[in-house]
Protein backbone atom coordinates (compact mmCIF):
# COMPACT_ATOMS: atom_id res chain seq x y z
CA MET A 1 29.64 -10.37 -3.04
CA SER A 2 26.22 -8.83 -3.74
CA LEU A 3 25.02 -11.80 -5.77
CA GLN A 4 26.18 -14.18 -3.04
CA LEU A 5 24.32 -12.17 -0.39
CA CYS A 6 21.20 -12.01 -2.58
CA THR A 7 21.34 -15.75 -3.17
CA THR A 8 21.78 -16.42 0.53
CA GLU A 9 18.86 -14.18 1.45
CA ALA A 10 16.69 -15.73 -1.26
CA SER A 11 17.32 -19.15 0.21
CA LEU A 12 16.43 -17.92 3.72
CA ARG A 13 13.51 -15.78 2.68
CA PRO A 14 10.70 -18.34 2.44
CA ARG A 15 11.52 -20.12 5.70
CA TYR A 16 11.33 -17.48 8.38
CA SER A 17 8.52 -15.33 9.70
CA HIS A 18 11.07 -12.89 11.12
CA VAL A 19 14.63 -12.50 9.85
CA ARG A 20 17.12 -11.50 12.52
CA VAL A 21 19.07 -8.83 10.68
CA SER A 22 21.79 -7.26 12.78
CA GLU A 23 23.82 -4.11 12.38
CA ASP A 24 26.71 -6.40 11.44
CA TRP A 25 24.89 -7.18 8.19
CA GLU A 26 24.68 -3.52 7.30
CA GLU A 27 28.35 -3.01 8.07
CA ALA A 28 29.35 -6.09 6.04
CA VAL A 29 27.89 -4.80 2.77
CA PRO A 30 30.08 -2.25 1.00
CA ALA A 31 28.46 1.18 0.57
CA GLU A 32 28.87 1.07 -3.21
CA VAL A 33 26.89 -2.18 -3.36
CA VAL A 34 24.10 -0.69 -1.21
CA GLN A 35 24.04 2.36 -3.50
CA LYS A 36 23.76 0.13 -6.57
CA TYR A 37 20.75 -1.79 -5.16
CA PRO A 38 19.14 0.63 -2.67
CA CYS A 39 15.61 -0.83 -2.69
CA PHE A 40 16.80 -4.35 -2.05
CA TYR A 41 19.15 -3.46 0.79
CA GLN A 42 16.73 -1.03 2.41
CA SER A 43 14.10 -3.78 2.49
CA LEU A 44 16.66 -6.34 3.72
CA PHE A 45 17.95 -4.18 6.56
CA SER A 46 14.44 -3.20 7.63
CA LEU A 47 13.51 -6.86 8.19
CA GLY A 48 15.26 -6.73 11.55
CA HIS A 49 12.83 -4.10 12.78
CA ARG A 50 9.52 -5.63 11.78
CA PRO A 51 7.85 -9.02 11.30
CA ARG A 52 7.51 -10.45 7.82
CA SER A 53 4.54 -9.20 5.82
CA LEU A 54 1.24 -11.04 5.57
CA GLN A 55 1.92 -11.27 1.83
CA HIS A 56 5.16 -13.15 2.51
CA LEU A 57 3.59 -15.42 5.14
CA ALA A 58 0.74 -16.32 2.78
CA ARG A 59 3.28 -17.19 0.07
CA CYS A 60 5.18 -19.41 2.54
CA THR A 61 1.97 -21.19 3.52
CA LEU A 62 0.95 -21.82 -0.10
CA ARG A 63 4.41 -23.05 -1.02
CA THR A 64 4.42 -25.40 1.99
CA LEU A 65 0.96 -26.77 1.19
CA LEU A 66 1.87 -27.28 -2.47
CA GLU A 67 5.34 -28.68 -1.89
CA GLY A 68 6.29 -30.98 -4.75
CA ARG A 69 3.21 -29.92 -6.75
CA LEU A 70 3.77 -26.16 -6.97
CA LEU A 71 4.59 -25.96 -10.69
CA LEU A 72 1.74 -28.28 -11.66
CA VAL A 73 -0.84 -26.43 -9.57
CA LEU A 74 0.33 -22.96 -10.63
CA SER A 75 0.01 -23.86 -14.29
CA GLN A 76 -3.64 -24.79 -13.68
CA LEU A 77 -4.60 -21.67 -11.70
CA HIS A 78 -4.24 -19.11 -14.53
CA LEU A 79 -2.86 -16.47 -12.17
CA PRO A 80 -1.63 -13.07 -13.29
CA SER A 81 2.05 -13.20 -14.24
CA ALA A 82 3.15 -11.01 -11.31
CA LEU A 83 1.45 -13.29 -8.76
CA HIS A 84 2.80 -16.37 -10.50
CA GLN A 85 6.36 -15.00 -10.27
CA PHE A 86 5.83 -13.97 -6.65
CA LEU A 87 4.84 -17.52 -5.70
CA LEU A 88 7.85 -18.88 -7.58
CA LEU A 89 10.11 -16.51 -5.60
CA GLY A 90 10.98 -14.42 -8.64
CA PHE A 91 13.46 -11.65 -7.90
CA GLU A 92 11.69 -8.36 -7.24
CA ASP A 93 14.41 -6.11 -5.81
CA VAL A 94 12.59 -5.96 -2.45
CA LEU A 95 11.88 -8.36 0.39
CA TYR A 96 8.50 -8.68 2.07
């Protein structure tokens, strides 16, 4: 269940400036799963109370501008590994 929810959120994550998280989401996730991944779920559930971060919006803009060329361009930019992974939507245990 947790992996499915994470995969679903990862697919939604880059497309929206504000994720409409409801209390139903919180109730749908078993407490033991939330306890196992507290940082991820805390950041997920807080998305309903605030707009997406500037960091996330900048990533969305770059990914949109580089659509179809992202891997080629990233390999030429010589970015730090953490930034490279962030742009590739690497899993970080939190949502921005």
